[in-house]
Amino acid sequence: MLRRVLSLVSMLVLGGCSALPAADGQGYLEVETLGAISNEIGESSALALNKGRIWTLNDSGNGSWLYRLDAQGQVERRVRLAGAVNTDWESMASDDERLIVADCGNNSGRREWLQLYSVGWQQLNDAPEGRDVEARSVEFQLADPTPVAGPQAHDNDCEAITTVEGELWLLTKGWASSTSRLYRLDISRDRQSVEADEIWPVSGLVTGMDYSARRKELVVLGYTRGRLHSDTFIWRVPVQGRTPDWSAATRYILWPSGQWEAVVWHGDDLLLTSENSLLGEARLGRVRIE
């Protein structure tokens, strides 16, 4: 994480902040800051929407709390998942009935079993401030792990899930290869072992994704890993039925760059959150998609 922050700082110092840099044949998407996120959520690593309300969570070591935000990033309500453990919460997905929290962070590459927590939207929306709600637990493992040479030297970490036409999709982060493996999980099964369907050349490390059923479009959020330079990017991937068309995917650089970690569709716009870092405080941002 520190290496990424230092790379981003170097980019801003070397490139200045007056105008967009050369895109090298790739387009840019501008991020509009909507507000600073409440201080208690310094590591917002996931986003979900329900009835226009924004939900997020803190990364590992911050308890099993879910937070509902207002349109400027301030906390409106806190709800705790009873019996859940925040080993390394990294992503959320949702459908009309439920929210799914993914405890799938695996920087060391040594975690064998990962967890999903499923909770009904009605339970969350009805829960009073600070109260516990019951969540259902699902365990899963990646059946085709890659070799692990050490922390962040493997491709078995994951920070991105979303629901696509009734399926739960997961993408790996890609520390070693800058590629991402796509998995499909069955949320109705309590314990499962899954193998990858596809490998995508994302050219970076994936930190989030979300699917728009109306637009039939998947967005994948991530960043490049370089010694003196790092870009935050978004891939837009068309989906027909339950089949992604990576051959038609398009890549964009986010500007201004930052430690953007989570993304969710909001109509034809994207909402994003960034973590506290040397680049500034945690923020709620918006990207308009034409």
Protein backbone atom coordinates (compact mmCIF):
# COMPACT_ATOMS: atom_id res chain seq x y z
CA MET A 1 0.00 0.00 0.00
CA LEU A 2 2.80 2.44 0.93
CA ARG A 3 4.59 1.77 -2.37
CA ARG A 4 1.43 2.67 -4.27
CA VAL A 5 0.99 5.90 -2.33
CA LEU A 6 4.60 6.94 -2.94
CA SER A 7 4.22 6.19 -6.66
CA LEU A 8 1.14 8.38 -6.85
CA VAL A 9 2.89 11.20 -5.01
CA SER A 10 5.82 10.98 -7.44
CA MET A 11 3.42 11.18 -10.37
CA LEU A 12 1.79 14.34 -9.03
CA VAL A 13 5.13 15.98 -8.25
CA LEU A 14 6.64 15.17 -11.63
CA GLY A 15 3.54 15.89 -13.68
CA GLY A 16 2.15 18.87 -11.86
CA CYS A 17 -1.59 19.43 -11.51
CA SER A 18 -2.52 21.96 -14.20
CA ALA A 19 -3.90 19.79 -17.01
CA LEU A 20 -4.44 16.21 -18.00
CA PRO A 21 -1.21 14.47 -19.03
CA ALA A 22 -0.82 12.70 -22.35
CA ALA A 23 -3.16 9.71 -22.48
CA ASP A 24 -0.94 7.46 -24.58
CA GLY A 25 -3.90 6.45 -26.74
CA GLN A 26 -6.21 5.91 -23.75
CA GLY A 27 -9.09 8.10 -22.69
CA TYR A 28 -9.58 9.84 -19.37
CA LEU A 29 -12.51 9.92 -16.97
CA GLU A 30 -12.65 12.84 -14.55
CA VAL A 31 -13.41 12.21 -10.88
CA GLU A 32 -15.53 14.87 -9.16
CA THR A 33 -15.15 14.98 -5.38
CA LEU A 34 -18.53 15.00 -3.66
CA GLY A 35 -17.19 15.24 -0.13
CA ALA A 36 -14.78 13.97 2.49
CA ILE A 37 -15.78 10.69 4.14
CA SER A 38 -16.26 10.63 7.92
CA ASN A 39 -12.99 10.13 9.81
CA GLU A 40 -14.11 6.81 11.29
CA ILE A 41 -14.06 5.29 7.80
CA GLY A 42 -10.45 5.81 6.83
CA GLU A 43 -10.30 2.67 4.69
CA SER A 44 -13.49 2.53 2.65
CA SER A 45 -12.81 -0.46 0.42
CA ALA A 46 -16.34 -1.35 -0.77
CA LEU A 47 -19.56 0.30 -1.96
CA ALA A 48 -23.17 -0.77 -2.49
CA LEU A 49 -26.43 1.05 -3.24
CA ASN A 50 -29.98 0.31 -2.16
CA LYS A 51 -32.89 2.62 -2.89
CA GLY A 52 -30.44 5.44 -3.52
CA ARG A 53 -28.67 4.94 -0.18
CA ILE A 54 -24.90 4.46 -0.09
CA TRP A 55 -23.37 1.72 2.05
CA THR A 56 -19.69 1.12 2.73
CA LEU A 57 -17.34 -0.62 5.18
CA ASN A 58 -13.86 -0.34 6.63
CA ASP A 59 -10.96 -2.58 5.65
CA SER A 60 -9.33 -5.18 7.92
CA GLY A 61 -8.94 -4.57 11.64
CA ASN A 62 -11.88 -2.17 11.89
CA GLY A 63 -14.67 -4.38 13.22
CA SER A 64 -17.71 -5.88 11.50
CA TRP A 65 -19.54 -2.58 10.96
CA LEU A 66 -21.46 -1.40 7.91
CA TYR A 67 -22.00 2.32 7.37
CA ARG A 68 -24.72 4.18 5.49
CA LEU A 69 -23.49 7.46 4.01
CA ASP A 70 -25.26 10.57 2.85
CA ALA A 71 -24.56 12.14 -0.56
CA GLN A 72 -21.51 14.01 0.83
CA GLY A 73 -19.88 10.99 2.50
CA GLN A 74 -20.99 11.54 6.11
CA VAL A 75 -22.22 8.64 8.22
CA GLU A 76 -26.00 8.42 8.65
CA ARG A 77 -26.18 5.01 10.34
CA ARG A 78 -23.95 2.23 11.67
CA VAL A 79 -25.01 -1.43 11.75
CA ARG A 80 -22.92 -4.37 12.94
CA LEU A 81 -23.05 -7.89 11.46
CA ALA A 82 -23.55 -10.23 14.41
CA GLY A 83 -21.09 -13.12 14.53
CA ALA A 84 -19.08 -11.83 11.56
CA VAL A 85 -15.30 -11.37 11.68
CA ASN A 86 -13.52 -8.69 9.67
CA THR A 87 -10.33 -10.54 8.79
CA ASP A 88 -9.91 -8.54 5.58
CA TRP A 89 -13.19 -7.16 4.24
CA GLU A 90 -12.57 -5.87 0.73
CA SER A 91 -15.75 -5.74 -1.35
CA MET A 92 -19.55 -5.76 -1.42
CA ALA A 93 -22.17 -6.86 -3.92
CA SER A 94 -25.94 -6.65 -3.87
CA ASP A 95 -29.19 -7.66 -5.52
CA ASP A 96 -32.77 -6.59 -4.80
CA GLU A 97 -33.00 -8.73 -1.68
CA ARG A 98 -29.60 -8.71 0.02
CA LEU A 99 -26.16 -7.25 0.56
CA ILE A 100 -23.12 -9.52 0.33
CA VAL A 101 -19.87 -8.66 2.13
CA ALA A 102 -16.68 -10.37 0.94
CA ASP A 103 -13.96 -11.19 3.46
CA CYS A 104 -11.58 -12.15 0.67
CA GLY A 105 -8.45 -10.06 1.21
CA ASN A 106 -5.36 -12.29 1.03
CA ASN A 107 -2.17 -10.22 0.87
CA SER A 108 -0.08 -13.07 2.25
CA GLY A 109 -1.56 -15.58 -0.20
CA ARG A 110 -1.81 -18.13 2.61
CA ARG A 111 -5.53 -17.94 3.39
CA GLU A 112 -7.15 -21.17 2.23
CA TRP A 113 -10.82 -20.46 3.01
CA LEU A 114 -12.47 -17.09 2.46
CA GLN A 115 -15.89 -15.86 3.64
CA LEU A 116 -19.01 -14.17 2.36
CA TYR A 117 -21.65 -12.63 4.66
CA SER A 118 -25.18 -12.18 3.33
CA VAL A 119 -27.77 -9.94 5.02
CA GLY A 120 -31.22 -8.83 3.86
CA TRP A 121 -31.72 -5.23 2.81
CA GLN A 122 -34.88 -4.98 4.87
CA GLN A 123 -32.95 -6.01 7.98
CA LEU A 124 -30.30 -3.38 7.32
CA ASN A 125 -32.74 -0.60 6.51
CA ASP A 126 -34.90 -1.34 9.56
CA ALA A 127 -32.04 -1.75 12.05
CA PRO A 128 -31.67 1.11 14.55
CA GLU A 129 -28.40 2.98 14.84
CA GLY A 130 -25.61 0.89 16.35
CA ARG A 131 -27.57 -2.37 16.53
CA ASP A 132 -26.59 -5.88 15.43
CA VAL A 133 -28.18 -7.73 12.52
CA GLU A 134 -27.87 -11.42 11.76
CA ALA A 135 -25.93 -12.44 8.65
CA ARG A 136 -25.58 -15.75 6.85
CA SER A 137 -22.03 -17.03 6.33
CA VAL A 138 -20.68 -18.75 3.20
CA GLU A 139 -17.18 -20.23 2.92
CA PHE A 140 -15.31 -20.64 -0.35
CA GLN A 141 -11.85 -21.36 -1.63
CA LEU A 142 -10.05 -20.85 -4.92
CA ALA A 143 -9.40 -24.35 -6.25
CA ASP A 144 -6.65 -23.25 -8.64
CA PRO A 145 -4.28 -21.06 -6.60
CA THR A 146 -1.05 -19.82 -8.14
CA PRO A 147 2.38 -20.25 -6.47
CA VAL A 148 3.09 -17.92 -3.54
CA ALA A 149 6.58 -16.44 -3.33
CA GLY A 150 5.72 -14.19 -0.39
CA PRO A 151 3.33 -11.37 0.60
CA GLN A 152 2.05 -9.53 -2.49
CA ALA A 153 4.05 -11.91 -4.69
CA HIS A 154 1.18 -14.06 -5.98
CA ASP A 155 -2.22 -13.84 -7.70
CA ASN A 156 -4.48 -15.24 -4.97
CA ASP A 157 -5.60 -11.97 -3.39
CA CYS A 158 -9.05 -10.61 -4.24
CA GLU A 159 -10.80 -7.30 -3.63
CA ALA A 160 -13.70 -7.27 -6.11
CA ILE A 161 -17.11 -8.97 -6.26
CA THR A 162 -20.43 -8.12 -7.92
CA THR A 163 -23.71 -9.79 -8.87
CA VAL A 164 -24.38 -10.41 -12.58
CA GLU A 165 -27.79 -11.74 -13.64
CA GLY A 166 -28.18 -13.84 -10.50
CA GLU A 167 -24.54 -14.97 -10.29
CA LEU A 168 -21.84 -13.73 -7.94
CA TRP A 169 -18.61 -12.84 -9.79
CA LEU A 170 -15.20 -12.42 -8.19
CA LEU A 171 -11.97 -11.05 -9.68
CA THR A 172 -8.50 -11.64 -8.26
CA LYS A 173 -6.14 -8.70 -7.69
CA GLY A 174 -3.12 -9.86 -9.70
CA TRP A 175 -0.07 -8.84 -7.65
CA ALA A 176 2.34 -11.05 -9.61
CA SER A 177 1.02 -11.03 -13.17
CA SER A 178 -1.17 -7.89 -13.50
CA THR A 179 -3.89 -10.21 -14.80
CA SER A 180 -7.18 -11.07 -13.10
CA ARG A 181 -8.96 -14.41 -12.84
CA LEU A 182 -12.77 -14.46 -13.02
CA TYR A 183 -14.69 -16.80 -10.70
CA ARG A 184 -18.42 -17.47 -10.42
CA LEU A 185 -19.82 -18.37 -6.99
CA ASP A 186 -23.18 -19.75 -5.91
CA ILE A 187 -24.41 -17.71 -2.94
CA SER A 188 -26.96 -20.41 -2.07
CA ARG A 189 -24.21 -22.92 -1.18
CA ASP A 190 -22.71 -22.75 2.32
CA ARG A 191 -19.31 -24.10 1.30
CA GLN A 192 -17.75 -24.37 -2.15
CA SER A 193 -14.52 -24.66 -4.10
CA VAL A 194 -14.37 -22.74 -7.40
CA GLU A 195 -12.12 -22.65 -10.44
CA ALA A 196 -11.54 -19.65 -12.72
CA ASP A 197 -13.56 -19.28 -15.91
CA GLU A 198 -11.38 -16.66 -17.63
CA ILE A 199 -8.15 -14.71 -17.20
CA TRP A 200 -8.27 -11.03 -18.16
CA PRO A 201 -5.19 -8.95 -19.10
CA VAL A 202 -6.20 -5.98 -16.94
CA SER A 203 -2.62 -4.59 -16.89
CA GLY A 204 -2.80 -3.73 -13.21
CA LEU A 205 -4.19 -4.65 -9.80
CA VAL A 206 -7.98 -4.90 -9.42
CA THR A 207 -9.58 -3.26 -6.34
CA GLY A 208 -13.29 -3.21 -7.20
CA MET A 209 -16.00 -3.84 -9.77
CA ASP A 210 -19.75 -3.42 -10.29
CA TYR A 211 -22.34 -4.45 -12.87
CA SER A 212 -25.22 -2.43 -14.29
CA ALA A 213 -28.08 -4.69 -15.39
CA ARG A 214 -29.73 -1.83 -17.27
CA ARG A 215 -26.60 -0.90 -19.20
CA LYS A 216 -25.37 -4.51 -19.51
CA GLU A 217 -21.96 -3.21 -18.54
CA LEU A 218 -19.33 -4.23 -16.00
CA VAL A 219 -16.81 -1.73 -14.63
CA VAL A 220 -13.50 -2.91 -13.17
CA LEU A 221 -11.47 -0.54 -10.99
CA GLY A 222 -7.75 -0.88 -10.34
CA TYR A 223 -4.33 0.70 -10.46
CA THR A 224 -1.00 0.12 -12.16
CA ARG A 225 2.09 -0.83 -10.18
CA GLY A 226 5.28 0.99 -11.13
CA ARG A 227 8.42 2.28 -9.47
CA LEU A 228 7.85 5.98 -10.16
CA HIS A 229 4.40 6.10 -11.66
CA SER A 230 0.95 4.70 -10.91
CA ASP A 231 -2.36 5.24 -12.70
CA THR A 232 -5.84 4.48 -11.45
CA PHE A 233 -7.90 2.92 -14.24
CA ILE A 234 -11.37 1.67 -15.10
CA TRP A 235 -12.20 -1.04 -17.61
CA ARG A 236 -15.69 -0.98 -19.13
CA VAL A 237 -16.72 -4.49 -20.18
CA PRO A 238 -19.95 -5.26 -22.10
CA VAL A 239 -21.92 -8.27 -20.86
CA GLN A 240 -24.51 -10.27 -22.78
CA GLY A 241 -26.58 -12.51 -20.56
CA ARG A 242 -23.93 -13.91 -18.24
CA THR A 243 -21.10 -13.72 -20.76
CA PRO A 244 -18.55 -10.88 -20.58
CA ASP A 245 -17.01 -9.74 -23.86
CA TRP A 246 -13.44 -8.86 -22.91
CA SER A 247 -12.52 -8.38 -26.59
CA ALA A 248 -14.79 -5.29 -26.60
CA ALA A 249 -13.56 -3.91 -23.24
CA THR A 250 -12.26 -0.32 -23.12
CA ARG A 251 -9.79 1.14 -20.63
CA TYR A 252 -9.77 4.65 -19.14
CA ILE A 253 -7.47 6.48 -16.75
CA LEU A 254 -9.06 8.29 -13.80
CA TRP A 255 -8.00 11.88 -13.21
CA PRO A 256 -7.08 13.21 -10.77
CA SER A 257 -5.54 9.94 -9.68
CA GLY A 258 -5.73 8.76 -6.11
CA GLN A 259 -6.19 5.77 -3.88
CA TRP A 260 -9.63 4.92 -5.28
CA GLU A 261 -10.61 1.51 -3.88
CA ALA A 262 -14.36 0.96 -4.48
CA VAL A 263 -16.87 1.60 -7.26
CA VAL A 264 -20.63 1.24 -7.75
CA TRP A 265 -23.04 2.22 -10.54
CA HIS A 266 -25.46 5.06 -9.68
CA GLY A 267 -27.69 5.32 -12.75
CA ASP A 268 -25.32 6.28 -15.56
CA ASP A 269 -22.73 7.63 -13.14
CA LEU A 270 -20.14 5.85 -11.04
CA LEU A 271 -19.60 6.51 -7.34
CA LEU A 272 -16.13 5.83 -5.92
CA THR A 273 -14.43 6.01 -2.55
CA SER A 274 -10.77 6.52 -1.74
CA GLU A 275 -8.81 5.67 1.40
CA ASN A 276 -6.83 8.04 3.61
CA SER A 277 -3.30 8.31 2.25
CA LEU A 278 -0.43 10.72 1.63
CA LEU A 279 -2.55 12.02 -1.26
CA GLY A 280 -5.24 13.27 1.09
CA GLU A 281 -8.25 12.33 3.15
CA ALA A 282 -10.78 9.65 2.29
CA ARG A 283 -13.21 10.94 -0.32
CA LEU A 284 -16.49 10.15 -2.04
CA GLY A 285 -16.25 10.81 -5.76
CA ARG A 286 -18.35 10.64 -8.90
CA VAL A 287 -17.52 9.84 -12.52
CA ARG A 288 -20.04 10.70 -15.21
CA ILE A 289 -20.35 8.15 -18.02
CA GLU A 290 -21.73 9.47 -21.30
